[in-house]
């Protein structure tokens, strides 16, 4: 028979153990996963709890809200306001705006560095470029000249680069070092004769990674193209074009309603196994396997799906339906819409955040 001998625990060891357990418990309860949903024709942002698939909070006072980003420590959310020409900083404990940071010109989307120190704001008016916001000083500290109006900026998964998807300029996509702001490479000059390239600009972009965490591919949506391209990040070259399944004319939405972006919204699930692509043309979201890009199926969602984010466990995808004013919840494994959540007017960009 096995004999178990009780060993006395010192007072300080016991206190430390209890303190750690209490700390972990408090942290687990204090941090919440939220789907942060902007509503571009409103001054309200919706916060969705993925545990209940309902709106559980709202942030108010940010008219024509466009981009969203979250501090890694869960303490703040950042939103660009086209109406105010500001980056608004929100305290997640109170859901109140604590700072409105003036920007160079009218902004579009935003992104944040891996360590949360800098927010990069795409400037869509004037000469364009990227405003760089120091999140400690809560002030603009630098402007990167990108050579065009920036619609969607992205920090790469490894945090080393910021990618600017642009309208106009010598190229419509440019990559810069986050450490120095130095240009690395550029792609997609306008009007080069290829289908989908005589365009007003680059639409959403997503990324996957190599085993070491470095960026593997960019998945790039183009104006006037119902699909996406695949860009090998290391070689700086487009290696494939994937057109979404053809949509019969009678199943398409009216041509002028999708703003020259029949496919808008793309994302790689957190587990890296699937790529999800929105079609405004027929209100579907298409799923592809990675890395082989095999079409897995399509899910009917609301009207004009515009953007995608995911639950951290890769169980659900959330498609913002810009015309039907709701968010479709997609069961990734089942390839099925399981809920449709009403939000405010014209929901577009969304992110997944862990907040306090």
Protein backbone atom coordinates (compact mmCIF):
# COMPACT_ATOMS: atom_id res chain seq x y z
CA UNK A 1 0.00 0.00 0.00
CA UNK A 2 1.28 3.47 -0.87
CA UNK A 3 1.86 5.75 2.09
CA UNK A 4 1.43 9.49 1.62
CA UNK A 5 3.23 11.63 4.13
CA UNK A 6 1.89 15.14 4.75
CA UNK A 7 4.60 17.77 4.62
CA UNK A 8 4.19 21.03 6.50
CA UNK A 9 4.04 24.16 4.38
CA UNK A 10 5.82 27.24 5.63
CA UNK A 11 3.70 30.31 6.44
CA UNK A 12 5.22 32.45 3.71
CA UNK A 13 5.00 29.65 1.11
CA UNK A 14 1.33 29.13 1.96
CA UNK A 15 0.59 32.85 1.77
CA UNK A 16 2.39 33.12 -1.56
CA UNK A 17 0.49 30.15 -2.96
CA UNK A 18 -2.86 31.56 -1.83
CA UNK A 19 -1.95 34.99 -3.16
CA UNK A 20 -1.06 33.56 -6.57
CA UNK A 21 -4.27 31.54 -6.73
CA UNK A 22 -6.36 34.58 -5.79
CA UNK A 23 -4.52 36.69 -8.33
CA UNK A 24 -5.16 34.20 -11.13
CA UNK A 25 -8.80 33.96 -10.11
CA UNK A 26 -9.22 37.75 -10.10
CA UNK A 27 -7.44 38.03 -13.46
CA UNK A 28 -9.62 35.35 -15.00
CA UNK A 29 -12.77 37.14 -13.84
CA UNK A 30 -11.50 40.64 -14.62
CA UNK A 31 -10.59 40.02 -18.24
CA UNK A 32 -13.38 39.58 -20.77
CA UNK A 33 -13.36 38.58 -24.43
CA UNK A 34 -15.36 40.98 -26.56
CA UNK A 35 -16.11 41.31 -30.26
CA UNK A 36 -15.71 45.04 -30.83
CA UNK A 37 -18.01 46.11 -33.66
CA UNK A 38 -17.79 49.56 -35.24
CA UNK A 39 -20.92 51.08 -36.80
CA UNK A 40 -19.88 53.54 -39.48
CA UNK A 41 -23.17 55.45 -39.79
CA UNK A 42 -23.47 55.88 -36.05
CA UNK A 43 -21.50 57.37 -33.16
CA UNK A 44 -21.82 54.10 -31.21
CA UNK A 45 -19.56 51.02 -31.07
CA UNK A 46 -21.13 47.70 -30.03
CA UNK A 47 -19.46 45.21 -27.68
CA UNK A 48 -20.52 41.58 -28.18
CA UNK A 49 -19.97 38.82 -25.65
CA UNK A 50 -19.08 35.63 -27.59
CA UNK A 51 -20.26 33.52 -24.66
CA UNK A 52 -23.86 34.69 -25.13
CA UNK A 53 -23.70 36.11 -28.69
CA UNK A 54 -25.38 39.31 -27.50
CA UNK A 55 -24.47 42.99 -27.28
CA UNK A 56 -23.44 43.63 -23.67
CA UNK A 57 -22.08 47.16 -23.90
CA UNK A 58 -21.76 50.27 -26.04
CA UNK A 59 -19.20 53.02 -26.48
CA UNK A 60 -20.73 56.35 -27.48
CA UNK A 61 -19.55 59.66 -28.86
CA UNK A 62 -17.38 58.55 -31.82
CA UNK A 63 -19.16 59.68 -35.01
CA UNK A 64 -18.33 57.94 -38.29
CA UNK A 65 -16.18 55.46 -36.40
CA UNK A 66 -13.91 53.54 -38.76
CA UNK A 67 -10.93 51.60 -37.37
CA UNK A 68 -10.57 49.81 -34.04
CA UNK A 69 -7.59 48.48 -32.08
CA UNK A 70 -7.06 47.13 -28.57
CA UNK A 71 -4.22 47.52 -26.09
CA UNK A 72 -2.61 44.11 -25.38
CA UNK A 73 -3.11 44.58 -21.63
CA UNK A 74 -6.86 45.12 -22.05
CA UNK A 75 -6.87 48.60 -20.56
CA UNK A 76 -7.79 50.66 -23.62
CA UNK A 77 -9.52 50.60 -26.97
CA UNK A 78 -8.65 52.94 -29.84
CA UNK A 79 -10.99 54.17 -32.57
CA UNK A 80 -10.56 56.48 -35.53
CA UNK A 81 -13.31 59.04 -36.12
CA UNK A 82 -13.66 60.35 -39.65
CA UNK A 83 -16.03 63.09 -38.46
CA UNK A 84 -13.73 64.44 -35.74
CA UNK A 85 -10.41 63.65 -37.50
CA UNK A 86 -9.20 62.13 -34.26
CA UNK A 87 -7.98 58.92 -32.71
CA UNK A 88 -10.22 58.41 -29.69
CA UNK A 89 -8.86 56.55 -26.68
CA UNK A 90 -11.37 54.63 -24.54
CA UNK A 91 -10.87 53.32 -21.00
CA UNK A 92 -12.23 49.76 -20.99
CA UNK A 93 -13.15 49.95 -17.30
CA UNK A 94 -15.58 52.83 -17.84
CA UNK A 95 -16.15 52.68 -21.64
CA UNK A 96 -15.57 56.44 -21.66
CA UNK A 97 -13.39 58.46 -24.03
CA UNK A 98 -10.32 59.69 -22.15
CA UNK A 99 -8.46 61.37 -25.02
CA UNK A 100 -9.13 62.67 -28.53
CA UNK A 101 -5.83 62.84 -30.42
CA UNK A 102 -5.82 65.17 -33.47
CA UNK A 103 -4.69 63.58 -36.72
CA UNK A 104 -3.08 64.91 -39.89
CA UNK A 105 -6.27 64.54 -41.95
CA UNK A 106 -9.37 62.35 -42.24
CA UNK A 107 -8.52 58.81 -41.09
CA UNK A 108 -9.65 55.38 -42.22
CA UNK A 109 -8.58 52.14 -40.55
CA UNK A 110 -6.00 51.68 -37.77
CA UNK A 111 -3.68 48.99 -36.42
CA UNK A 112 -1.56 48.54 -33.28
CA UNK A 113 1.95 47.17 -32.69
CA UNK A 114 2.47 43.84 -30.95
CA UNK A 115 3.68 45.49 -27.75
CA UNK A 116 0.91 48.11 -27.82
CA UNK A 117 3.31 51.05 -27.81
CA UNK A 118 2.25 52.57 -31.14
CA UNK A 119 -1.02 52.84 -33.05
CA UNK A 120 -0.74 53.37 -36.81
CA UNK A 121 -3.57 55.40 -38.34
CA UNK A 122 -4.25 55.28 -42.07
CA UNK A 123 -4.76 58.80 -43.41
CA UNK A 124 -7.16 58.83 -46.35
CA UNK A 125 -7.32 62.56 -47.14
CA UNK A 126 -4.74 65.10 -48.24
CA UNK A 127 -1.38 63.50 -49.00
CA UNK A 128 -2.28 60.37 -47.08
CA UNK A 129 0.32 58.41 -45.12
CA UNK A 130 0.41 56.89 -41.65
CA UNK A 131 0.13 58.84 -38.42
CA UNK A 132 2.05 57.12 -35.63
CA UNK A 133 0.52 57.56 -32.16
CA UNK A 134 2.53 56.94 -28.99
CA UNK A 135 0.13 55.22 -26.58
CA UNK A 136 2.14 56.30 -23.54
CA UNK A 137 2.28 59.98 -24.47
CA UNK A 138 -1.17 59.79 -26.14
CA UNK A 139 0.11 62.00 -28.94
CA UNK A 140 1.10 61.80 -32.58
CA UNK A 141 4.88 61.41 -32.68
CA UNK A 142 5.61 60.63 -36.33
CA UNK A 143 4.13 60.61 -39.81
CA UNK A 144 5.21 58.06 -42.42
CA UNK A 145 4.93 59.20 -46.02
CA UNK A 146 3.51 56.22 -47.90
CA UNK A 147 3.04 57.87 -51.27
CA UNK A 148 -0.74 57.42 -51.24
CA UNK A 149 -3.96 57.62 -49.26
CA UNK A 150 -4.03 54.77 -46.73
CA UNK A 151 -7.29 52.85 -46.45
CA UNK A 152 -6.23 49.84 -44.34
CA UNK A 153 -2.95 49.55 -42.39
CA UNK A 154 -1.84 46.31 -40.71
CA UNK A 155 1.01 45.34 -38.39
CA UNK A 156 2.29 41.95 -39.51
CA UNK A 157 1.86 38.97 -37.11
CA UNK A 158 5.52 39.15 -36.04
CA UNK A 159 5.25 42.88 -35.32
CA UNK A 160 8.20 43.78 -37.56
CA UNK A 161 6.37 45.57 -40.35
CA UNK A 162 3.39 47.79 -41.01
CA UNK A 163 1.59 47.24 -44.32
CA UNK A 164 -0.32 50.09 -45.95
CA UNK A 165 -3.16 49.24 -48.33
CA UNK A 166 -3.66 52.41 -50.35
CA UNK A 167 -5.64 54.28 -52.94
CA UNK A 168 -3.52 56.16 -55.48
CA UNK A 169 0.20 56.84 -55.55
CA UNK A 170 2.88 54.95 -57.42
CA UNK A 171 1.87 51.70 -55.70
CA UNK A 172 -1.25 50.64 -53.87
CA UNK A 173 0.49 48.46 -51.27
CA UNK A 174 3.64 49.38 -49.37
CA UNK A 175 5.51 47.76 -46.47
CA UNK A 176 7.54 49.63 -43.82
CA UNK A 177 9.66 48.60 -40.83
CA UNK A 178 7.88 49.35 -37.57
CA UNK A 179 11.19 50.09 -35.82
CA UNK A 180 12.39 52.73 -38.26
CA UNK A 181 9.57 53.58 -40.66
CA UNK A 182 11.89 52.63 -43.52
CA UNK A 183 10.23 51.40 -46.75
CA UNK A 184 10.88 47.71 -47.50
CA UNK A 185 8.92 46.92 -50.67
CA UNK A 186 5.87 48.00 -52.65
CA UNK A 187 3.40 46.25 -54.95
CA UNK A 188 0.40 46.84 -57.17
CA UNK A 189 1.03 49.94 -59.23
CA UNK A 190 -2.30 51.16 -60.62
CA UNK A 191 -3.29 50.50 -64.23
CA UNK A 192 -0.73 47.81 -65.07
CA UNK A 193 -3.14 45.97 -67.32
CA UNK A 194 -4.00 42.90 -65.23
CA UNK A 195 -7.59 42.13 -64.30
CA UNK A 196 -8.32 43.68 -60.93
CA UNK A 197 -5.27 45.92 -60.97
CA UNK A 198 -6.60 48.95 -62.86
CA UNK A 199 -8.06 49.89 -59.54
CA UNK A 200 -8.75 52.64 -57.10
CA UNK A 201 -6.90 50.75 -54.41
CA UNK A 202 -6.24 47.83 -52.11
CA UNK A 203 -9.05 46.54 -49.93
CA UNK A 204 -8.66 44.32 -46.79
CA UNK A 205 -5.58 42.15 -46.20
CA UNK A 206 -4.94 39.15 -43.94
CA UNK A 207 -1.82 37.17 -43.05
CA UNK A 208 -0.64 33.73 -42.06
CA UNK A 209 2.67 32.71 -40.51
CA UNK A 210 5.58 30.33 -40.79
CA UNK A 211 6.47 27.93 -37.97
CA UNK A 212 8.83 30.53 -36.47
CA UNK A 213 6.09 33.17 -36.33
CA UNK A 214 7.34 35.20 -39.29
CA UNK A 215 4.87 36.32 -41.93
CA UNK A 216 4.28 33.72 -44.64
CA UNK A 217 1.65 35.08 -47.01
CA UNK A 218 -0.50 38.16 -47.43
CA UNK A 219 -4.04 37.56 -48.69
CA UNK A 220 -5.02 40.75 -50.49
CA UNK A 221 -8.39 41.92 -51.74
CA UNK A 222 -8.45 44.28 -54.72
CA UNK A 223 -10.98 46.76 -56.00
CA UNK A 224 -13.20 45.39 -58.78
CA UNK A 225 -12.13 41.79 -58.13
CA UNK A 226 -14.38 39.09 -56.67
CA UNK A 227 -11.63 37.22 -54.88
CA UNK A 228 -8.15 37.74 -53.49
CA UNK A 229 -4.48 37.44 -54.35
CA UNK A 230 -1.74 35.57 -52.50
CA UNK A 231 1.54 37.42 -51.94
CA UNK A 232 4.62 35.57 -50.69
CA UNK A 233 6.00 37.94 -48.07
CA UNK A 234 9.61 36.77 -48.30
CA UNK A 235 9.91 37.12 -52.09
CA UNK A 236 7.59 40.15 -52.30
CA UNK A 237 5.75 38.53 -55.21
CA UNK A 238 2.17 37.64 -56.01
CA UNK A 239 2.05 33.87 -56.36
CA UNK A 240 -1.66 33.21 -56.94
CA UNK A 241 -5.06 34.72 -57.67
CA UNK A 242 -8.14 33.03 -56.28
CA UNK A 243 -11.47 34.09 -57.74
CA UNK A 244 -14.51 33.33 -55.62
CA UNK A 245 -17.15 31.05 -57.15
CA UNK A 246 -19.13 32.65 -59.95
CA UNK A 247 -22.44 34.17 -58.90
CA UNK A 248 -25.39 33.99 -61.31
CA UNK A 249 -26.61 37.45 -62.31
CA UNK A 250 -30.02 36.90 -60.73
CA UNK A 251 -28.37 36.19 -57.34
CA UNK A 252 -26.20 39.31 -57.30
CA UNK A 253 -26.90 42.52 -55.45
CA UNK A 254 -27.27 45.72 -57.47
CA UNK A 255 -23.96 46.68 -59.04
CA UNK A 256 -23.67 50.15 -57.52
CA UNK A 257 -24.24 48.99 -53.95
CA UNK A 258 -20.92 47.32 -53.21
CA UNK A 259 -18.69 50.34 -53.89
CA UNK A 260 -16.32 48.65 -56.39
CA UNK A 261 -15.46 46.04 -53.77
CA UNK A 262 -17.43 42.87 -54.55
CA UNK A 263 -15.21 40.96 -52.13
CA UNK A 264 -14.49 42.95 -48.96
CA UNK A 265 -13.47 41.34 -45.67
CA UNK A 266 -10.91 38.57 -45.21
CA UNK A 267 -9.30 36.80 -42.28
CA UNK A 268 -7.23 33.83 -41.17
CA UNK A 269 -8.67 31.99 -38.16
CA UNK A 270 -6.45 32.12 -35.04
CA UNK A 271 -5.48 28.44 -35.36
CA UNK A 272 -4.14 29.14 -38.87
CA UNK A 273 -6.15 26.33 -40.49
CA UNK A 274 -8.70 28.30 -42.51
CA UNK A 275 -9.08 31.50 -44.51
CA UNK A 276 -12.48 33.24 -44.61
CA UNK A 277 -13.52 35.63 -47.37
CA UNK A 278 -16.61 37.86 -47.58
CA UNK A 279 -18.60 38.39 -50.75
CA UNK A 280 -20.71 41.52 -50.90
CA UNK A 281 -21.85 40.34 -54.30
CA UNK A 282 -24.18 37.66 -52.90
CA UNK A 283 -24.04 37.89 -49.09
CA UNK A 284 -21.88 34.82 -48.51
CA UNK A 285 -18.69 34.06 -46.61
CA UNK A 286 -16.39 31.50 -48.27
CA UNK A 287 -14.01 29.23 -46.37
CA UNK A 288 -10.67 27.92 -47.69
CA UNK A 289 -8.27 25.47 -46.09
CA UNK A 290 -4.70 26.52 -45.38
CA UNK A 291 -2.10 26.18 -46.66
CA UNK A 292 -3.55 24.49 -49.77
CA UNK A 293 -6.37 27.03 -50.36
CA UNK A 294 -8.98 24.38 -51.10
CA UNK A 295 -12.53 25.73 -51.11
CA UNK A 296 -14.35 24.17 -48.14
CA UNK A 297 -17.75 25.75 -48.60
CA UNK A 298 -19.84 28.89 -48.28
CA UNK A 299 -22.14 30.30 -45.61
CA UNK A 300 -25.11 32.57 -46.35
CA UNK A 301 -25.03 35.59 -44.04
CA UNK A 302 -26.62 39.04 -43.97
CA UNK A 303 -26.51 41.75 -46.60
CA UNK A 304 -23.12 43.13 -47.71
CA UNK A 305 -20.71 41.31 -45.33
CA UNK A 306 -17.83 43.73 -44.94
CA UNK A 307 -15.36 42.51 -42.31
CA UNK A 308 -14.40 39.47 -40.24
CA UNK A 309 -13.04 38.61 -36.83
CA UNK A 310 -12.90 35.38 -34.80
CA UNK A 311 -13.28 33.96 -31.31
CA UNK A 312 -9.80 33.22 -29.89
CA UNK A 313 -10.51 29.47 -29.90
CA UNK A 314 -11.32 29.51 -33.66
CA UNK A 315 -14.80 28.19 -32.95
CA UNK A 316 -16.71 31.15 -34.39
CA UNK A 317 -16.26 33.75 -37.11
CA UNK A 318 -18.10 37.09 -36.93
CA UNK A 319 -19.09 38.76 -40.20
CA UNK A 320 -20.24 42.38 -40.04
CA UNK A 321 -23.19 42.86 -42.41
CA UNK A 322 -22.96 46.49 -43.45
CA UNK A 323 -26.37 46.75 -45.14
CA UNK A 324 -28.56 44.62 -42.86
CA UNK A 325 -27.15 46.16 -39.65
CA UNK A 326 -26.25 42.93 -37.91
CA UNK A 327 -23.39 40.52 -37.28
CA UNK A 328 -23.52 36.92 -38.47
CA UNK A 329 -22.02 34.33 -36.13
CA UNK A 330 -20.57 31.42 -38.12
CA UNK A 331 -19.78 28.04 -36.60
CA UNK A 332 -16.42 27.38 -38.26
CA UNK A 333 -16.47 23.60 -37.96
CA UNK A 334 -20.07 23.22 -39.09
CA UNK A 335 -19.83 25.91 -41.82
CA UNK A 336 -23.14 27.29 -40.62
CA UNK A 337 -24.58 30.60 -39.45
CA UNK A 338 -25.79 30.03 -35.89
CA UNK A 339 -26.85 33.53 -34.85
CA UNK A 340 -27.44 37.00 -36.24
CA UNK A 341 -26.84 39.82 -33.75
CA UNK A 342 -28.51 43.23 -34.27
CA UNK A 343 -26.14 46.18 -33.90
CA UNK A 344 -26.20 49.84 -34.98
CA UNK A 345 -26.22 51.30 -38.48
CA UNK A 346 -23.71 50.15 -41.13
CA UNK A 347 -21.43 47.83 -39.11
CA UNK A 348 -18.05 47.39 -40.77
CA UNK A 349 -14.63 46.91 -39.10
CA UNK A 350 -14.54 44.59 -36.12
CA UNK A 351 -11.84 43.14 -33.89
CA UNK A 352 -11.57 40.60 -31.08
CA UNK A 353 -10.28 42.07 -27.83
CA UNK A 354 -9.54 40.95 -24.30
CA UNK A 355 -10.54 43.84 -22.06
CA UNK A 356 -10.49 44.49 -18.35
